[in-house]
Protein backbone atom coordinates (compact mmCIF):
# COMPACT_ATOMS: atom_id res chain seq x y z
CA UNK A 1 -23.41 103.91 -128.04
CA UNK A 2 -20.89 104.75 -125.36
CA UNK A 3 -17.22 104.27 -126.20
CA UNK A 4 -16.37 102.96 -122.73
CA UNK A 5 -17.71 99.79 -121.06
CA UNK A 6 -17.08 98.49 -117.54
CA UNK A 7 -17.54 95.02 -116.11
CA UNK A 8 -18.19 94.85 -112.34
CA UNK A 9 -17.57 91.31 -111.24
CA UNK A 10 -17.53 89.28 -107.99
CA UNK A 11 -14.52 87.25 -109.04
CA UNK A 12 -11.23 88.39 -110.53
CA UNK A 13 -11.35 87.89 -114.30
CA UNK A 14 -8.66 85.33 -115.13
CA UNK A 15 -6.64 85.52 -118.39
CA UNK A 16 -8.89 82.91 -120.03
CA UNK A 17 -12.00 84.93 -119.20
CA UNK A 18 -10.40 88.09 -120.73
CA UNK A 19 -9.34 86.12 -123.76
CA UNK A 20 -12.85 84.70 -124.23
CA UNK A 21 -14.25 88.23 -124.01
CA UNK A 22 -11.83 89.75 -126.50
CA UNK A 23 -12.18 86.82 -128.88
CA UNK A 24 -15.94 87.32 -129.10
CA UNK A 25 -15.59 88.02 -132.81
CA UNK A 26 -14.17 84.57 -133.54
CA UNK A 27 -11.56 82.14 -132.27
CA UNK A 28 -8.97 82.92 -134.90
CA UNK A 29 -8.11 86.35 -133.55
CA UNK A 30 -5.07 87.10 -131.38
CA UNK A 31 -4.61 89.40 -128.39
CA UNK A 32 -1.61 91.63 -127.80
CA UNK A 33 -0.42 93.32 -124.62
CA UNK A 34 0.97 96.80 -123.79
CA UNK A 35 1.94 98.82 -120.70
CA UNK A 36 4.01 96.02 -119.21
CA UNK A 37 1.04 93.66 -119.56
CA UNK A 38 -1.48 96.05 -118.03
CA UNK A 39 -3.42 96.57 -121.21
CA UNK A 40 -4.91 94.01 -123.63
CA UNK A 41 -5.84 95.20 -127.11
CA UNK A 42 -7.45 94.03 -130.31
CA UNK A 43 -6.81 95.80 -133.64
CA UNK A 44 -7.67 95.64 -137.31
CA UNK A 45 -5.40 94.42 -140.08
CA UNK A 46 -3.94 97.93 -140.55
CA UNK A 47 -2.82 98.16 -136.97
CA UNK A 48 -5.59 100.57 -135.81
CA UNK A 49 -6.79 99.77 -132.25
CA UNK A 50 -10.39 98.58 -131.91
CA UNK A 51 -10.66 97.68 -128.22
CA UNK A 52 -8.22 98.26 -125.35
CA UNK A 53 -8.78 96.67 -121.93
CA UNK A 54 -7.27 97.93 -118.69
CA UNK A 55 -6.04 95.43 -116.10
CA UNK A 56 -8.79 94.50 -113.59
CA UNK A 57 -8.86 96.73 -110.46
CA UNK A 58 -9.92 95.37 -107.08
CA UNK A 59 -12.37 97.90 -105.49
CA UNK A 60 -12.61 97.67 -101.71
CA UNK A 61 -14.45 100.93 -101.14
CA UNK A 62 -18.25 101.33 -100.94
CA UNK A 63 -20.06 103.69 -103.30
CA UNK A 64 -17.57 104.20 -106.10
CA UNK A 65 -19.64 102.47 -108.88
CA UNK A 66 -22.61 104.50 -107.77
CA UNK A 67 -20.68 107.78 -107.69
CA UNK A 68 -18.93 107.33 -111.09
CA UNK A 69 -21.29 105.21 -113.11
CA UNK A 70 -24.69 105.45 -111.38
CA UNK A 71 -24.52 101.61 -111.35
CA UNK A 72 -25.04 99.01 -108.63
CA UNK A 73 -21.94 96.99 -108.00
CA UNK A 74 -21.54 93.61 -106.31
CA UNK A 75 -20.67 93.75 -102.56
CA UNK A 76 -17.11 94.88 -101.84
CA UNK A 77 -14.58 93.71 -102.69
CA UNK A 78 -15.32 93.44 -106.40
CA UNK A 79 -13.36 93.80 -109.63
CA UNK A 80 -13.63 96.74 -111.98
CA UNK A 81 -12.48 95.99 -115.56
CA UNK A 82 -12.69 98.86 -118.02
CA UNK A 83 -12.53 98.65 -121.83
CA UNK A 84 -12.46 101.44 -124.44
CA UNK A 85 -13.63 101.10 -127.99
CA UNK A 86 -12.17 103.28 -130.76
CA UNK A 87 -14.48 106.19 -131.43
CA UNK A 88 -16.59 106.03 -134.54
CA UNK A 89 -16.04 102.38 -135.35
CA UNK A 90 -19.27 100.50 -134.97
CA UNK A 91 -17.63 97.07 -134.84
CA UNK A 92 -15.35 98.22 -132.05
CA UNK A 93 -18.25 99.49 -129.96
CA UNK A 94 -20.14 96.21 -130.41
CA UNK A 95 -17.03 94.24 -129.62
CA UNK A 96 -16.43 96.19 -126.41
CA UNK A 97 -20.04 95.59 -125.35
CA UNK A 98 -19.72 91.89 -126.02
CA UNK A 99 -16.46 91.72 -124.11
CA UNK A 100 -18.05 93.33 -121.01
CA UNK A 101 -21.16 91.17 -121.21
CA UNK A 102 -19.26 87.89 -121.53
CA UNK A 103 -16.82 88.92 -118.77
CA UNK A 104 -19.71 89.65 -116.43
CA UNK A 105 -21.27 86.27 -117.26
CA UNK A 106 -18.11 84.34 -116.76
CA UNK A 107 -16.96 86.11 -113.56
CA UNK A 108 -20.35 86.91 -111.93
CA UNK A 109 -21.53 90.43 -111.95
CA UNK A 110 -22.89 93.13 -114.25
CA UNK A 111 -21.82 95.34 -117.16
CA UNK A 112 -22.16 99.05 -117.65
CA UNK A 113 -23.87 100.55 -119.51
CA UNK A 114 -26.90 98.28 -118.96
CA UNK A 115 -27.37 97.66 -122.66
CA UNK A 116 -23.87 96.18 -122.84
CA UNK A 117 -25.00 93.32 -120.61
CA UNK A 118 -27.42 92.21 -123.31
CA UNK A 119 -24.76 92.20 -126.07
CA UNK A 120 -23.66 88.57 -126.21
CA UNK A 121 -23.82 88.06 -129.99
CA UNK A 122 -20.72 87.19 -131.95
CA UNK A 123 -19.28 90.29 -133.65
CA UNK A 124 -17.87 89.79 -137.20
CA UNK A 125 -14.15 90.64 -137.03
CA UNK A 126 -12.73 89.78 -140.44
CA UNK A 127 -9.42 91.49 -140.91
CA UNK A 128 -8.65 92.02 -137.26
CA UNK A 129 -5.25 91.10 -135.87
CA UNK A 130 -2.66 92.13 -133.34
CA UNK A 131 -1.50 95.73 -133.68
CA UNK A 132 2.07 96.89 -133.81
CA UNK A 133 3.07 98.42 -130.49
CA UNK A 134 3.33 102.08 -131.59
CA UNK A 135 -0.25 102.12 -132.86
CA UNK A 136 -1.91 101.67 -129.47
CA UNK A 137 0.39 103.28 -126.96
CA UNK A 138 -2.38 105.82 -126.08
CA UNK A 139 -5.82 104.20 -126.47
CA UNK A 140 -7.64 106.98 -124.64
CA UNK A 141 -6.83 109.76 -127.17
CA UNK A 142 -9.29 110.04 -130.04
CA UNK A 143 -7.86 113.02 -131.96
CA UNK A 144 -4.33 114.31 -131.85
CA UNK A 145 -3.18 117.67 -133.35
CA UNK A 146 -0.12 119.79 -132.89
CA UNK A 147 -1.83 121.75 -130.08
CA UNK A 148 -4.19 119.43 -128.27
CA UNK A 149 -5.13 115.86 -127.55
CA UNK A 150 -8.95 115.27 -127.74
CA UNK A 151 -10.79 112.68 -125.65
CA UNK A 152 -14.41 111.77 -126.40
CA UNK A 153 -16.19 110.62 -123.28
CA UNK A 154 -19.75 109.31 -123.04
CA UNK A 155 -20.28 108.41 -119.45
CA UNK A 156 -22.21 109.98 -116.56
CA UNK A 157 -19.12 111.26 -114.74
CA UNK A 158 -15.76 111.98 -116.37
CA UNK A 159 -13.39 110.74 -113.67
CA UNK A 160 -9.62 110.65 -113.24
CA UNK A 161 -9.47 107.05 -114.39
CA UNK A 162 -6.21 105.36 -115.30
CA UNK A 163 -7.09 106.07 -118.96
CA UNK A 164 -7.63 109.74 -118.33
CA UNK A 165 -4.62 110.15 -116.08
CA UNK A 166 -2.34 108.47 -118.63
CA UNK A 167 -3.68 110.67 -121.43
CA UNK A 168 -3.22 113.83 -119.31
CA UNK A 169 0.40 112.95 -118.48
CA UNK A 170 1.15 112.10 -122.10
CA UNK A 171 -0.28 115.38 -123.37
CA UNK A 172 1.57 117.39 -120.68
CA UNK A 173 4.83 115.64 -121.39
CA UNK A 174 4.82 116.78 -125.04
CA UNK A 175 3.36 120.26 -124.30
CA UNK A 176 -0.19 119.65 -125.53
CA UNK A 177 -3.47 120.71 -124.04
CA UNK A 178 -6.15 118.12 -123.27
CA UNK A 179 -9.73 118.78 -124.48
CA UNK A 180 -12.51 116.38 -123.24
CA UNK A 181 -15.68 116.25 -125.37
CA UNK A 182 -18.87 115.02 -123.69
CA UNK A 183 -22.59 115.02 -124.28
CA UNK A 184 -24.95 117.31 -122.35
CA UNK A 185 -25.77 116.02 -118.90
CA UNK A 186 -22.28 114.64 -118.20
CA UNK A 187 -20.55 115.91 -115.05
CA UNK A 188 -16.87 116.00 -114.03
CA UNK A 189 -15.21 114.59 -110.95
CA UNK A 190 -13.56 117.39 -108.95
CA UNK A 191 -10.25 115.64 -109.57
CA UNK A 192 -10.68 116.17 -113.34
CA UNK A 193 -11.96 119.72 -112.99
CA UNK A 194 -8.80 120.69 -111.12
CA UNK A 195 -6.66 119.49 -113.96
CA UNK A 196 -8.50 121.26 -116.82
CA UNK A 197 -7.93 124.78 -115.68
CA UNK A 198 -5.08 125.82 -117.99
CA UNK A 199 -5.36 126.85 -121.65
CA UNK A 200 -5.84 125.23 -124.14
CA UNK A 201 -7.23 122.35 -122.00
CA UNK A 202 -11.06 122.49 -121.96
CA UNK A 203 -14.20 120.65 -121.15
CA UNK A 204 -16.16 120.71 -124.40
CA UNK A 205 -19.93 120.06 -124.09
CA UNK A 206 -22.13 119.13 -127.08
CA UNK A 207 -25.19 121.34 -127.12
CA UNK A 208 -28.35 121.37 -129.31
CA UNK A 209 -28.60 125.13 -129.42
CA UNK A 210 -25.03 126.40 -129.57
CA UNK A 211 -23.14 123.46 -130.99
CA UNK A 212 -20.37 123.26 -128.37
CA UNK A 213 -19.49 125.23 -125.26
CA UNK A 214 -16.95 125.17 -122.45
CA UNK A 215 -18.50 123.45 -119.45
CA UNK A 216 -16.43 125.41 -116.97
CA UNK A 217 -16.71 128.96 -118.41
CA UNK A 218 -19.76 128.80 -120.64
CA UNK A 219 -17.97 130.15 -123.73
CA UNK A 220 -19.46 128.91 -127.00
CA UNK A 221 -16.78 126.93 -128.87
CA UNK A 222 -16.11 125.74 -132.39
CA UNK A 223 -13.37 123.60 -133.95
CA UNK A 224 -10.79 126.02 -135.36
CA UNK A 225 -8.27 123.98 -137.28
CA UNK A 226 -6.41 122.24 -134.47
CA UNK A 227 -8.53 122.66 -131.35
CA UNK A 228 -11.78 123.90 -129.89
CA UNK A 229 -11.60 127.67 -129.27
CA UNK A 230 -14.15 130.35 -128.17
CA UNK A 231 -16.51 132.10 -130.60
CA UNK A 232 -16.16 135.88 -130.20
CA UNK A 233 -19.24 137.77 -129.06
CA UNK A 234 -20.89 140.09 -131.65
CA UNK A 235 -19.69 143.17 -129.66
CA UNK A 236 -16.18 141.87 -128.97
CA UNK A 237 -13.18 144.04 -129.75
CA UNK A 238 -9.43 143.61 -129.71
CA UNK A 239 -9.33 145.33 -126.32
CA UNK A 240 -12.34 143.41 -125.04
CA UNK A 241 -12.26 139.92 -126.59
CA UNK A 242 -15.38 138.54 -124.98
CA UNK A 243 -16.80 135.24 -126.03
CA UNK A 244 -20.43 134.35 -126.66
CA UNK A 245 -21.97 132.68 -123.63
CA UNK A 246 -24.02 129.46 -124.13
CA UNK A 247 -27.65 129.64 -123.06
CA UNK A 248 -27.51 126.21 -121.48
CA UNK A 249 -24.66 127.26 -119.23
CA UNK A 250 -26.78 130.07 -117.76
CA UNK A 251 -29.85 127.98 -116.92
CA UNK A 252 -29.33 127.61 -113.20
CA UNK A 253 -32.00 126.78 -110.57
CA UNK A 254 -31.10 127.46 -106.92
CA UNK A 255 -31.08 124.30 -104.82
CA UNK A 256 -29.71 125.52 -101.53
CA UNK A 257 -26.85 122.99 -101.69
CA UNK A 258 -23.40 124.07 -100.65
CA UNK A 259 -19.81 122.84 -100.55
CA UNK A 260 -17.08 123.43 -97.99
CA UNK A 261 -13.62 123.45 -99.54
CA UNK A 262 -10.41 123.43 -97.55
CA UNK A 263 -7.03 123.81 -99.26
CA UNK A 264 -3.93 123.47 -97.12
CA UNK A 265 -0.20 122.69 -97.28
CA UNK A 266 1.91 120.93 -94.72
CA UNK A 267 5.73 120.77 -94.73
CA UNK A 268 7.26 117.92 -92.83
CA UNK A 269 10.91 117.35 -91.96
CA UNK A 270 12.11 114.39 -94.01
CA UNK A 271 12.92 111.34 -91.86
CA UNK A 272 12.38 107.61 -92.11
CA UNK A 273 9.63 107.61 -89.42
CA UNK A 274 7.48 110.12 -91.23
CA UNK A 275 3.88 109.02 -91.96
CA UNK A 276 1.91 111.12 -94.42
CA UNK A 277 -1.89 111.63 -94.63
CA UNK A 278 -2.33 112.34 -90.92
CA UNK A 279 -3.28 115.95 -91.48
CA UNK A 280 -5.96 115.02 -94.03
CA UNK A 281 -7.41 112.27 -91.74
CA UNK A 282 -7.48 114.68 -88.73
CA UNK A 283 -9.26 117.34 -90.76
CA UNK A 284 -11.67 114.77 -92.26
CA UNK A 285 -12.60 113.46 -88.78
CA UNK A 286 -13.18 117.01 -87.44
CA UNK A 287 -15.49 117.91 -90.36
CA UNK A 288 -17.41 114.61 -90.90
CA UNK A 289 -17.00 112.61 -87.66
CA UNK A 290 -15.36 109.71 -89.48
CA UNK A 291 -12.09 108.89 -91.31
CA UNK A 292 -11.72 108.74 -95.05
CA UNK A 293 -13.13 105.56 -96.63
CA UNK A 294 -10.68 104.90 -99.42
CA UNK A 295 -7.92 106.17 -101.69
CA UNK A 296 -6.08 105.47 -104.88
CA UNK A 297 -3.86 106.96 -107.62
CA UNK A 298 -6.89 107.06 -109.99
CA UNK A 299 -10.66 106.82 -109.87
CA UNK A 300 -12.36 104.65 -108.76
CA UNK A 301 -10.54 104.77 -105.47
CA UNK A 302 -10.12 101.10 -104.77
CA UNK A 303 -8.04 100.82 -101.59
CA UNK A 304 -9.19 101.21 -97.95
CA UNK A 305 -7.77 104.38 -96.43
CA UNK A 306 -4.25 103.84 -95.05
CA UNK A 307 -1.74 106.66 -94.22
CA UNK A 308 1.00 104.01 -94.06
CA UNK A 309 0.29 102.69 -97.50
CA UNK A 310 0.09 106.23 -98.94
CA UNK A 311 3.47 106.99 -97.37
CA UNK A 312 5.04 103.82 -98.73
CA UNK A 313 3.86 104.72 -102.23
CA UNK A 314 5.19 108.25 -102.00
CA UNK A 315 8.56 107.00 -100.67
CA UNK A 316 8.80 104.48 -103.51
CA UNK A 317 8.13 107.17 -106.13
CA UNK A 318 10.40 109.85 -104.70
CA UNK A 319 11.82 112.12 -105.93
CA UNK A 320 8.95 112.13 -108.41
CA UNK A 321 5.71 113.58 -106.91
CA UNK A 322 2.78 111.43 -105.99
CA UNK A 323 -0.90 112.29 -106.71
CA UNK A 324 -3.78 110.56 -105.02
CA UNK A 325 -7.58 110.88 -104.64
CA UNK A 326 -9.23 110.18 -101.30
CA UNK A 327 -13.00 109.52 -100.91
CA UNK A 328 -15.48 109.35 -98.11
CA UNK A 329 -18.52 107.11 -97.35
CA UNK A 330 -21.63 107.37 -99.53
CA UNK A 331 -23.59 108.96 -96.70
CA UNK A 332 -21.32 111.94 -96.40
CA UNK A 333 -20.03 113.20 -99.77
CA UNK A 334 -16.39 114.18 -99.41
CA UNK A 335 -13.42 113.98 -101.75
CA UNK A 336 -9.82 115.13 -101.49
CA UNK A 337 -6.89 115.35 -103.87
CA UNK A 338 -3.38 115.04 -102.45
CA UNK A 339 -0.08 115.88 -104.03
CA UNK A 340 3.06 114.87 -102.23
CA UNK A 341 6.45 116.35 -103.24
CA UNK A 342 9.97 116.11 -101.99
CA UNK A 343 11.50 119.63 -101.82
CA UNK A 344 14.42 121.39 -100.17
CA UNK A 345 12.11 122.38 -97.36
CA UNK A 346 11.17 118.73 -96.64
CA UNK A 347 8.14 116.66 -97.66
CA UNK A 348 5.21 118.80 -98.77
CA UNK A 349 1.57 117.75 -98.93
CA UNK A 350 -0.78 119.96 -100.95
CA UNK A 351 -4.36 118.95 -100.20
CA UNK A 352 -7.79 120.10 -101.24
CA UNK A 353 -10.71 118.60 -99.35
CA UNK A 354 -14.32 119.21 -100.41
CA UNK A 355 -17.44 118.26 -98.43
CA UNK A 356 -21.03 118.54 -99.77
CA UNK A 357 -24.18 119.65 -97.84
CA UNK A 358 -27.85 119.63 -98.66
CA UNK A 359 -30.27 122.53 -98.35
CA UNK A 360 -31.13 121.64 -94.75
CA UNK A 361 -27.56 120.77 -93.68
CA UNK A 362 -25.19 123.33 -92.16
CA UNK A 363 -21.50 123.18 -92.98
CA UNK A 364 -19.57 122.75 -89.67
CA UNK A 365 -18.07 126.21 -89.71
CA UNK A 366 -17.78 126.21 -85.91
CA UNK A 367 -15.38 123.23 -86.09
CA UNK A 368 -12.93 125.01 -88.38
CA UNK A 369 -10.79 126.79 -85.80
CA UNK A 370 -10.39 123.57 -83.80
CA UNK A 371 -9.52 121.63 -86.97
CA UNK A 372 -7.01 124.27 -87.91
CA UNK A 373 -5.41 124.11 -84.47
CA UNK A 374 -5.02 120.35 -84.76
CA UNK A 375 -3.18 120.74 -88.05
CA UNK A 376 -1.11 123.66 -86.82
CA UNK A 377 0.10 121.94 -83.62
CA UNK A 378 0.44 118.32 -84.78
CA UNK A 379 0.92 118.25 -88.55
CA UNK A 380 3.32 121.08 -89.52
CA UNK A 381 0.63 123.22 -91.21
CA UNK A 382 2.08 125.98 -93.40
CA UNK A 383 -1.16 127.64 -94.60
CA UNK A 384 -4.80 126.94 -95.11
CA UNK A 385 -7.70 128.58 -97.04
CA UNK A 386 -11.30 127.72 -96.29
CA UNK A 387 -14.19 128.51 -98.67
CA UNK A 388 -17.95 127.96 -98.98
CA UNK A 389 -19.66 127.94 -102.34
CA UNK A 390 -23.14 127.31 -103.71
CA UNK A 391 -22.68 123.99 -105.49
CA UNK A 392 -23.91 120.41 -105.57
CA UNK A 393 -23.93 118.24 -102.47
CA UNK A 394 -22.67 115.22 -104.43
CA UNK A 395 -19.55 117.24 -105.48
CA UNK A 396 -20.05 116.48 -109.22
CA UNK A 397 -19.21 119.43 -111.48
CA UNK A 398 -22.06 120.25 -113.89
CA UNK A 399 -21.79 122.08 -117.17
CA UNK A 400 -23.70 124.98 -115.63
CA UNK A 401 -22.73 128.13 -113.87
CA UNK A 402 -21.78 127.63 -110.22
CA UNK A 403 -20.83 130.67 -108.22
CA UNK A 404 -17.25 131.15 -106.98
CA UNK A 405 -16.26 130.08 -103.50
CA UNK A 406 -16.20 132.76 -100.84
CA UNK A 407 -13.36 132.72 -98.25
CA UNK A 408 -14.42 131.79 -94.69
CA UNK A 409 -11.00 131.93 -93.11
CA UNK A 410 -7.24 131.89 -93.76
CA UNK A 411 -4.77 130.19 -91.48
CA UNK A 412 -1.05 130.85 -91.21
CA UNK A 413 1.12 128.18 -89.61
CA UNK A 414 3.24 128.85 -86.55
CA UNK A 415 6.55 128.76 -88.43
CA UNK A 416 5.23 131.26 -90.99
CA UNK A 417 3.95 133.59 -88.25
CA UNK A 418 7.32 133.38 -86.49
CA UNK A 419 9.13 134.48 -89.64
CA UNK A 420 7.01 137.67 -89.99
CA UNK A 421 8.77 140.86 -88.93
CA UNK A 422 7.41 142.83 -85.98
CA UNK A 423 3.68 142.43 -85.36
CA UNK A 424 2.70 142.22 -89.02
CA UNK A 425 0.95 138.84 -88.67
CA UNK A 426 -1.16 140.12 -85.68
CA UNK A 427 -1.94 143.66 -86.75
CA UNK A 428 -3.92 143.39 -90.03
CA UNK A 429 -6.34 145.63 -91.98
CA UNK A 430 -9.22 143.24 -91.19
CA UNK A 431 -12.00 144.35 -88.92
CA UNK A 432 -11.68 141.12 -86.81
CA UNK A 433 -8.47 140.25 -85.00
CA UNK A 434 -6.89 136.88 -85.77
CA UNK A 435 -7.41 133.95 -83.38
CA UNK A 436 -4.32 132.46 -81.77
CA UNK A 437 -3.95 128.71 -82.17
CA UNK A 438 -1.57 126.56 -80.12
CA UNK A 439 1.18 127.67 -77.72
CA UNK A 440 1.11 131.29 -76.77
CA UNK A 441 4.86 131.67 -77.31
CA UNK A 442 4.66 130.38 -80.90
CA UNK A 443 1.07 130.44 -82.12
CA UNK A 444 -0.46 129.86 -85.53
CA UNK A 445 -3.06 132.44 -86.55
CA UNK A 446 -6.67 131.97 -87.74
CA UNK A 447 -7.99 134.92 -89.74
CA UNK A 448 -11.86 134.93 -89.91
CA UNK A 449 -13.38 136.29 -93.12
CA UNK A 450 -17.08 137.06 -93.98
CA UNK A 451 -17.77 133.64 -95.67
CA UNK A 452 -21.23 134.56 -97.05
CA UNK A 453 -21.72 132.58 -100.35
CA UNK A 454 -23.97 135.39 -101.56
CA UNK A 455 -21.31 138.11 -101.14
CA UNK A 456 -18.02 137.79 -103.04
CA UNK A 457 -16.64 140.89 -101.27
CA UNK A 458 -14.84 138.47 -98.95
CA UNK A 459 -12.24 138.09 -101.69
CA UNK A 460 -11.43 141.81 -101.30
CA UNK A 461 -10.72 141.31 -97.62
CA UNK A 462 -8.65 138.25 -98.44
CA UNK A 463 -6.63 140.18 -101.02
CA UNK A 464 -6.01 142.98 -98.53
CA UNK A 465 -4.79 140.41 -95.95
CA UNK A 466 -2.45 138.79 -98.47
CA UNK A 467 -0.93 142.09 -99.47
CA UNK A 468 -0.46 143.04 -95.88
CA UNK A 469 1.22 139.73 -94.91
CA UNK A 470 3.57 140.03 -97.92
CA UNK A 471 4.55 143.54 -96.91
CA UNK A 472 3.05 145.11 -100.07
């Protein structure tokens, strides 16, 4: 049985509804709160958490329940209430299922997974009580060692939920890696994939043939005292410490699907009239023909897209950085992550936008120079890298090999070009001359690259260009 349950309801669950759900095991049990009232929790007599419930989230964006759960949600707006049961405790899992089912019944809606909706029976809870605060400060972490925090996830898509984000920040704050364990068939949201790239953080996939393997690299893993680590290949040496590659990771069938990924940075002068998110919206419109649908500081993205509200949040959090996820409509898979930072140079936006295309769809490569010019002339573009890769249209990250992206173009903003000595930015080792964007007196430059997903030699050209621009 899954360790997470979600209630998708038409009406906001009121405190009495939540209480009725959590007291499914009997009316003599008490409920405690944590996280400034944002988390309800039920624990056993020894203070161990059994079920923790996140505050209900209002979702005003179409398609998020389908994207992250494969579930049909009520019409927007609806409420998303997530609960997590302690791993390996049968009573906790049954209690979480009962909670979600009763909440859905009381507030009108459905529960995920589907079997949770049928779990309305009273769960025996002898010995349960309120937990002391220190016992439940991190309900998402299942195993904690001196090197890593381990999360066990059993859901179709591991997303950057509030649970996951909190666990990631907590682990990073104390210098630990984050290792996420999932069954075969689970995928990652791109937002999670981008945060699991540094050792010893890993995506650990359970596998019938090899036990466990890394879903991003394919290395066979085993538990080695305090964390999952690669199993050395039979012919590995000290000078060549290769890992055994899982068979499941290598089973890839071509689909013809592709992704277009655009990574860019803008640097804005800091002033009180500044509105952030304009560059992302402009690029989104150029590539998809429509604006973003929604955004949030976690997944699901529950808020309608609003550059003004994004700016207000970043301003309120400064000087701390702000991270956000932005999503598109269900018809056109697109997702972006945004990191806003206050630096000496001004206000920086680091953005990665990904769009998915089916086998018979062509990525809008011809629109890229025009999109780059809009960002360069109106949104203080510093640099941009555009790639195409063979990968899923729905943007989900599978535990299978996906080829690396291949660079289509690199863009250097007008200010960066102006700082280059002599004609270095214009005279490059590339076979194709750069395209000038914007005013002739102070242009940005668009450097076309091969961009063939079947030929990774484009990275060689990109490396030569970078070395040249840096004066190496």
